[in-house]
Amino acid sequence: MRLSSIRFIAAVAMVASAAATVPVSTSILFAQAPAGTYQPKFPGDPARSDSEAAALAYMRVVLRAQHRFEKQYGHFAISLSELVHSGSFTKRMVNPDRGDYTASFHGKKDSFVLTMTPEHLDAQHRSFYAEDDGKIHGEEDKPADGDSPIVK
């Protein structure tokens, strides 16, 4: 065995034995925020949970892709699959199952409606609605629609 290999094995053994002697309570110092505390992803983030952040991010991508598509072709896409490669909309994003949310898309050449419905409505899982005006609306206790408050 080469001297460098022996040194490497010795170093690994030292690190492993040192890690085994670290008290379990030390790992608390490296823990993330408690599960119930949402960390905003950017200044002014309107999301109340990671699930909402993902749903809103998906909606923003679809909205940007639709407006880019409309600018290029003179009309909106009538299906999500038409949006593939428009902006940052990928083939994978056509799937309506988005974690805790389900996307619903209804498009016509002159308008569209996009909704994100959570598995369970609560304060951290609101429903969202957007149409061709690009404004995202949200509701805590019922499915969102065009009359719902705009999500800031």
C-alpha atoms as a PDB file:
ATOM      1  CA  MET A   1       0.000   0.000   0.000  1.00  0.00           C
ATOM      2  CA  ARG A   2       1.282   3.458  -0.862  1.00  0.00           C
ATOM      3  CA  LEU A   3       2.032   6.021   1.836  1.00  0.00           C
ATOM      4  CA  SER A   4      -0.599   8.466   0.432  1.00  0.00           C
ATOM      5  CA  SER A   5      -3.280   5.746   0.664  1.00  0.00           C
ATOM      6  CA  ILE A   6      -2.351   5.053   4.277  1.00  0.00           C
ATOM      7  CA  ARG A   7      -2.560   8.768   5.120  1.00  0.00           C
ATOM      8  CA  PHE A   8      -5.959   9.003   3.424  1.00  0.00           C
ATOM      9  CA  ILE A   9      -7.322   6.010   5.351  1.00  0.00           C
ATOM     10  CA  ALA A  10      -5.968   7.451   8.607  1.00  0.00           C
ATOM     11  CA  ALA A  11      -7.601  10.819   7.900  1.00  0.00           C
ATOM     12  CA  VAL A  12     -10.969   9.179   7.137  1.00  0.00           C
ATOM     13  CA  ALA A  13     -10.747   7.134  10.327  1.00  0.00           C
ATOM     14  CA  MET A  14      -9.969  10.276  12.352  1.00  0.00           C
ATOM     15  CA  VAL A  15     -12.930  12.178  10.895  1.00  0.00           C
ATOM     16  CA  ALA A  16     -15.248   9.212  11.449  1.00  0.00           C
ATOM     17  CA  SER A  17     -14.196   8.823  15.080  1.00  0.00           C
ATOM     18  CA  ALA A  18     -14.529  12.568  15.683  1.00  0.00           C
ATOM     19  CA  ALA A  19     -18.020  12.568  14.161  1.00  0.00           C
ATOM     20  CA  ALA A  20     -19.036   9.687  16.403  1.00  0.00           C
ATOM     21  CA  THR A  21     -18.072  11.690  19.506  1.00  0.00           C
ATOM     22  CA  VAL A  22     -20.123  14.807  18.591  1.00  0.00           C
ATOM     23  CA  PRO A  23     -23.108  15.051  20.926  1.00  0.00           C
ATOM     24  CA  VAL A  24     -26.532  14.679  19.313  1.00  0.00           C
ATOM     25  CA  SER A  25     -27.640  18.072  20.673  1.00  0.00           C
ATOM     26  CA  THR A  26     -25.032  19.753  18.442  1.00  0.00           C
ATOM     27  CA  SER A  27     -27.077  18.775  15.394  1.00  0.00           C
ATOM     28  CA  ILE A  28     -29.804  21.128  16.604  1.00  0.00           C
ATOM     29  CA  LEU A  29     -27.488  24.039  15.812  1.00  0.00           C
ATOM     30  CA  PHE A  30     -27.563  23.073  12.138  1.00  0.00           C
ATOM     31  CA  ALA A  31     -31.306  22.483  11.890  1.00  0.00           C
ATOM     32  CA  GLN A  32     -33.427  24.549   9.533  1.00  0.00           C
ATOM     33  CA  ALA A  33     -36.384  26.662  10.627  1.00  0.00           C
ATOM     34  CA  PRO A  34     -39.204  24.725  12.309  1.00  0.00           C
ATOM     35  CA  ALA A  35     -41.547  22.911   9.905  1.00  0.00           C
ATOM     36  CA  GLY A  36     -44.374  25.392  10.528  1.00  0.00           C
ATOM     37  CA  THR A  37     -42.271  28.463   9.710  1.00  0.00           C
ATOM     38  CA  TYR A  38     -42.126  29.474   6.057  1.00  0.00           C
ATOM     39  CA  GLN A  39     -38.981  31.201   4.820  1.00  0.00           C
ATOM     40  CA  PRO A  40     -39.872  33.672   2.009  1.00  0.00           C
ATOM     41  CA  LYS A  41     -38.087  32.923  -1.262  1.00  0.00           C
ATOM     42  CA  PHE A  42     -37.688  36.599  -2.251  1.00  0.00           C
ATOM     43  CA  PRO A  43     -38.593  40.033  -0.835  1.00  0.00           C
ATOM     44  CA  GLY A  44     -42.370  40.505  -0.994  1.00  0.00           C
ATOM     45  CA  ASP A  45     -43.037  36.776  -1.441  1.00  0.00           C
ATOM     46  CA  PRO A  46     -46.833  36.308  -1.011  1.00  0.00           C
ATOM     47  CA  ALA A  47     -46.583  32.552  -0.356  1.00  0.00           C
ATOM     48  CA  ARG A  48     -47.365  31.153   3.085  1.00  0.00           C
ATOM     49  CA  SER A  49     -45.705  27.752   2.615  1.00  0.00           C
ATOM     50  CA  ASP A  50     -43.247  25.966   0.353  1.00  0.00           C
ATOM     51  CA  SER A  51     -46.204  24.333  -1.426  1.00  0.00           C
ATOM     52  CA  GLU A  52     -47.744  27.719  -2.156  1.00  0.00           C
ATOM     53  CA  ALA A  53     -44.391  29.060  -3.338  1.00  0.00           C
ATOM     54  CA  ALA A  54     -44.102  26.184  -5.821  1.00  0.00           C
ATOM     55  CA  ALA A  55     -47.702  26.652  -7.024  1.00  0.00           C
ATOM     56  CA  LEU A  56     -47.228  30.404  -7.506  1.00  0.00           C
ATOM     57  CA  ALA A  57     -43.902  29.870  -9.293  1.00  0.00           C
ATOM     58  CA  TYR A  58     -45.588  27.405 -11.669  1.00  0.00           C
ATOM     59  CA  MET A  59     -48.350  29.934 -12.356  1.00  0.00           C
ATOM     60  CA  ARG A  60     -45.827  32.680 -13.100  1.00  0.00           C
ATOM     61  CA  VAL A  61     -44.016  30.429 -15.583  1.00  0.00           C
ATOM     62  CA  VAL A  62     -47.301  29.555 -17.346  1.00  0.00           C
ATOM     63  CA  LEU A  63     -48.375  33.210 -17.455  1.00  0.00           C
ATOM     64  CA  ARG A  64     -45.031  34.316 -18.923  1.00  0.00           C
ATOM     65  CA  ALA A  65     -45.094  31.450 -21.438  1.00  0.00           C
ATOM     66  CA  GLN A  66     -48.647  32.333 -22.528  1.00  0.00           C
ATOM     67  CA  HIS A  67     -47.798  35.974 -23.080  1.00  0.00           C
ATOM     68  CA  ARG A  68     -44.646  35.068 -24.970  1.00  0.00           C
ATOM     69  CA  PHE A  69     -46.644  32.569 -27.063  1.00  0.00           C
ATOM     70  CA  GLU A  70     -49.311  35.214 -27.775  1.00  0.00           C
ATOM     71  CA  LYS A  71     -46.672  37.740 -28.801  1.00  0.00           C
ATOM     72  CA  GLN A  72     -45.073  35.232 -31.178  1.00  0.00           C
ATOM     73  CA  TYR A  73     -48.203  33.651 -32.720  1.00  0.00           C
ATOM     74  CA  GLY A  74     -50.881  36.317 -32.275  1.00  0.00           C
ATOM     75  CA  HIS A  75     -53.092  34.125 -30.059  1.00  0.00           C
ATOM     76  CA  PHE A  76     -52.906  32.213 -26.784  1.00  0.00           C
ATOM     77  CA  ALA A  77     -52.098  28.508 -26.555  1.00  0.00           C
ATOM     78  CA  ILE A  78     -55.183  26.343 -26.118  1.00  0.00           C
ATOM     79  CA  SER A  79     -53.327  23.594 -24.241  1.00  0.00           C
ATOM     80  CA  LEU A  80     -50.349  23.366 -21.918  1.00  0.00           C
ATOM     81  CA  SER A  81     -48.531  21.113 -24.391  1.00  0.00           C
ATOM     82  CA  GLU A  82     -48.526  23.977 -26.928  1.00  0.00           C
ATOM     83  CA  LEU A  83     -46.537  26.049 -24.413  1.00  0.00           C
ATOM     84  CA  VAL A  84     -43.581  23.635 -24.314  1.00  0.00           C
ATOM     85  CA  HIS A  85     -40.391  25.593 -25.160  1.00  0.00           C
ATOM     86  CA  SER A  86     -42.226  28.901 -24.848  1.00  0.00           C
ATOM     87  CA  GLY A  87     -40.170  30.789 -22.309  1.00  0.00           C
ATOM     88  CA  SER A  88     -39.015  28.418 -19.581  1.00  0.00           C
ATOM     89  CA  PHE A  89     -42.054  26.110 -19.846  1.00  0.00           C
ATOM     90  CA  THR A  90     -40.794  22.538 -20.202  1.00  0.00           C
ATOM     91  CA  LYS A  91     -42.377  19.271 -21.313  1.00  0.00           C
ATOM     92  CA  ARG A  92     -42.382  18.072 -17.692  1.00  0.00           C
ATOM     93  CA  MET A  93     -44.592  21.022 -16.713  1.00  0.00           C
ATOM     94  CA  VAL A  94     -47.501  19.758 -18.840  1.00  0.00           C
ATOM     95  CA  ASN A  95     -48.289  17.293 -16.019  1.00  0.00           C
ATOM     96  CA  PRO A  96     -51.091  18.862 -13.913  1.00  0.00           C
ATOM     97  CA  ASP A  97     -49.965  17.166 -10.682  1.00  0.00           C
ATOM     98  CA  ARG A  98     -47.799  19.752  -8.948  1.00  0.00           C
ATOM     99  CA  GLY A  99     -47.093  18.248  -5.514  1.00  0.00           C
ATOM    100  CA  ASP A 100     -49.774  19.397  -3.064  1.00  0.00           C
ATOM    101  CA  TYR A 101     -51.555  21.209  -5.924  1.00  0.00           C
ATOM    102  CA  THR A 102     -53.330  20.262  -9.133  1.00  0.00           C
ATOM    103  CA  ALA A 103     -53.194  22.615 -12.106  1.00  0.00           C
ATOM    104  CA  SER A 104     -56.185  23.168 -14.355  1.00  0.00           C
ATOM    105  CA  PHE A 105     -55.831  24.968 -17.665  1.00  0.00           C
ATOM    106  CA  HIS A 106     -58.576  26.014 -20.095  1.00  0.00           C
ATOM    107  CA  GLY A 107     -57.387  27.895 -23.132  1.00  0.00           C
ATOM    108  CA  LYS A 108     -58.963  29.582 -26.135  1.00  0.00           C
ATOM    109  CA  LYS A 109     -57.213  31.589 -28.814  1.00  0.00           C
ATOM    110  CA  ASP A 110     -58.338  34.862 -27.237  1.00  0.00           C
ATOM    111  CA  SER A 111     -58.218  33.972 -23.498  1.00  0.00           C
ATOM    112  CA  PHE A 112     -57.230  31.368 -20.931  1.00  0.00           C
ATOM    113  CA  VAL A 113     -57.826  30.411 -17.303  1.00  0.00           C
ATOM    114  CA  LEU A 114     -55.289  28.732 -15.039  1.00  0.00           C
ATOM    115  CA  THR A 115     -56.166  27.457 -11.564  1.00  0.00           C
ATOM    116  CA  MET A 116     -54.123  25.765  -8.872  1.00  0.00           C
ATOM    117  CA  THR A 117     -56.176  23.750  -6.408  1.00  0.00           C
ATOM    118  CA  PRO A 118     -54.594  22.271  -3.267  1.00  0.00           C
ATOM    119  CA  GLU A 119     -55.431  18.819  -1.938  1.00  0.00           C
ATOM    120  CA  HIS A 120     -56.697  20.516   1.247  1.00  0.00           C
ATOM    121  CA  LEU A 121     -57.657  24.182   1.591  1.00  0.00           C
ATOM    122  CA  ASP A 122     -56.198  25.913   4.646  1.00  0.00           C
ATOM    123  CA  ALA A 123     -54.215  29.027   5.550  1.00  0.00           C
ATOM    124  CA  GLN A 124     -50.980  27.538   4.118  1.00  0.00           C
ATOM    125  CA  HIS A 125     -52.641  26.007   1.028  1.00  0.00           C
ATOM    126  CA  ARG A 126     -54.808  28.614  -0.686  1.00  0.00           C
ATOM    127  CA  SER A 127     -56.387  28.097  -4.098  1.00  0.00           C
ATOM    128  CA  PHE A 128     -55.188  30.312  -6.947  1.00  0.00           C
ATOM    129  CA  TYR A 129     -56.712  31.616 -10.171  1.00  0.00           C
ATOM    130  CA  ALA A 130     -55.276  33.571 -13.102  1.00  0.00           C
ATOM    131  CA  GLU A 131     -56.430  34.506 -16.557  1.00  0.00           C
ATOM    132  CA  ASP A 132     -55.020  36.380 -19.523  1.00  0.00           C
ATOM    133  CA  ASP A 133     -54.722  39.671 -17.596  1.00  0.00           C
ATOM    134  CA  GLY A 134     -51.776  38.070 -15.724  1.00  0.00           C
ATOM    135  CA  LYS A 135     -53.106  38.779 -12.210  1.00  0.00           C
ATOM    136  CA  ILE A 136     -53.053  35.919  -9.706  1.00  0.00           C
ATOM    137  CA  HIS A 137     -56.031  35.737  -7.338  1.00  0.00           C
ATOM    138  CA  GLY A 138     -56.164  33.638  -4.159  1.00  0.00           C
ATOM    139  CA  GLU A 139     -58.703  32.271  -1.673  1.00  0.00           C
ATOM    140  CA  GLU A 140     -58.184  30.554   1.668  1.00  0.00           C
ATOM    141  CA  ASP A 141     -61.542  28.860   2.137  1.00  0.00           C
ATOM    142  CA  LYS A 142     -62.995  28.268  -1.339  1.00  0.00           C
ATOM    143  CA  PRO A 143     -61.858  27.837  -4.946  1.00  0.00           C
ATOM    144  CA  ALA A 144     -60.412  31.109  -6.235  1.00  0.00           C
ATOM    145  CA  ASP A 145     -61.982  32.952  -9.165  1.00  0.00           C
ATOM    146  CA  GLY A 146     -61.714  36.300 -10.915  1.00  0.00           C
ATOM    147  CA  ASP A 147     -63.460  38.057  -8.010  1.00  0.00           C
ATOM    148  CA  SER A 148     -61.030  36.723  -5.396  1.00  0.00           C
ATOM    149  CA  PRO A 149     -58.459  39.098  -3.878  1.00  0.00           C
ATOM    150  CA  ILE A 150     -55.272  39.583  -5.893  1.00  0.00           C
ATOM    151  CA  VAL A 151     -52.248  37.918  -4.348  1.00  0.00           C
ATOM    152  CA  LYS A 152     -49.647  40.620  -3.726  1.00  0.00           C
END
